[in-house]
Structure formats: structure tokens, C-alpha cells
Amino acid sequence: MDLSFNYKPFPDQNVQTFLTIENITNAPPPVIGGGLTSALYSGMSNNDYDTLGRQYRAGVRFQF
């Protein structure tokens, strides 16, 4: 689950601030078991899931 906020502090100008929180619940990736001949089930790997945990991003966007 992710959360994102955007705010325009000056409505008449092209300035926007933002805050994004990815993996807000800090849920770990699922454990993926393997078969007899491989370490992973076909088509699945931990690359498909967020393995870093919760991430924060904040910044300012503007146009000239």
C-alpha cells in the first residue's frame, strides 16, 4: 500500500510540493518456495515484490 500527497502552495505559479510513502505498512515480501528442480516456482521471484521496506520521497516540482 502506498500513499502520496501533492500540494500547490501558489495556485497562480507552476510550483508543486509532494510527499510519497511506499509500502506504508512495511509488509515483508512473501516467502516463495521452490519445486524439486528449481529454487522458485515458474514465473515468480522476489524481484516482483518490494524488498527494501518503507520508503519516503519528498520534493518540489516546478516549470519555467
Protein backbone atom coordinates (compact mmCIF):
# COMPACT_ATOMS: atom_id res chain seq x y z
CA MET A 1 0.00 0.00 0.00
CA ASP A 2 1.35 3.40 -0.99
CA LEU A 3 0.40 6.94 -0.01
CA SER A 4 1.02 10.14 -1.97
CA PHE A 5 0.26 13.84 -1.36
CA ASN A 6 0.60 16.78 -3.75
CA TYR A 7 0.17 20.45 -2.85
CA LYS A 8 0.31 23.64 -4.92
CA PRO A 9 1.34 26.40 -2.47
CA PHE A 10 0.96 29.11 -5.14
CA PRO A 11 -2.06 28.45 -7.39
CA ASP A 12 -1.01 31.06 -9.97
CA GLN A 13 2.52 29.57 -10.40
CA ASN A 14 3.79 26.21 -11.66
CA VAL A 15 5.18 25.02 -8.29
CA GLN A 16 4.11 21.80 -6.63
CA THR A 17 5.37 20.02 -3.49
CA PHE A 18 4.94 16.29 -2.98
CA LEU A 19 5.37 13.55 -0.39
CA THR A 20 5.23 9.83 -1.24
CA ILE A 21 5.42 6.89 1.15
CA GLU A 22 5.82 3.48 -0.48
CA ASN A 23 4.97 0.27 1.43
CA ILE A 24 3.33 2.27 4.21
CA THR A 25 2.55 -0.89 6.22
CA ASN A 26 6.19 -2.06 5.92
CA ALA A 27 4.95 -5.51 4.90
CA PRO A 28 7.69 -8.03 4.12
CA PRO A 29 7.67 -9.83 0.75
CA PRO A 30 6.06 -13.27 0.70
CA VAL A 31 8.17 -16.38 1.03
CA ILE A 32 8.23 -18.16 -2.32
CA GLY A 33 9.01 -21.84 -2.14
CA GLY A 34 10.68 -23.83 -4.87
CA GLY A 35 9.97 -27.07 -6.62
CA LEU A 36 12.06 -30.20 -6.88
CA THR A 37 14.12 -28.93 -9.81
CA SER A 38 14.32 -25.17 -9.19
CA ALA A 39 14.56 -22.70 -6.35
CA LEU A 40 11.48 -20.73 -7.47
CA TYR A 41 8.09 -21.55 -8.91
CA SER A 42 7.82 -20.78 -12.60
CA GLY A 43 7.22 -17.07 -13.24
CA MET A 44 7.66 -15.92 -9.64
CA SER A 45 10.59 -14.32 -7.86
CA ASN A 46 11.23 -11.81 -5.10
CA ASN A 47 12.04 -9.24 -7.81
CA ASP A 48 8.27 -8.85 -8.19
CA TYR A 49 7.94 -7.55 -4.60
CA ASP A 50 9.31 -4.65 -2.57
CA THR A 51 12.28 -5.94 -0.58
CA LEU A 52 13.53 -2.58 0.76
CA GLY A 53 10.68 -1.91 3.19
CA ARG A 54 9.13 1.51 3.72
CA GLN A 55 10.49 4.34 1.53
CA TYR A 56 9.92 8.10 1.74
CA ARG A 57 10.22 10.67 -1.05
CA ALA A 58 9.63 14.40 -0.78
CA GLY A 59 10.36 17.19 -3.19
CA VAL A 60 9.37 20.18 -5.23
CA ARG A 61 8.38 20.23 -8.90
CA PHE A 62 8.40 23.41 -10.94
CA GLN A 63 8.31 24.62 -14.54
CA PHE A 64 9.85 27.72 -16.05
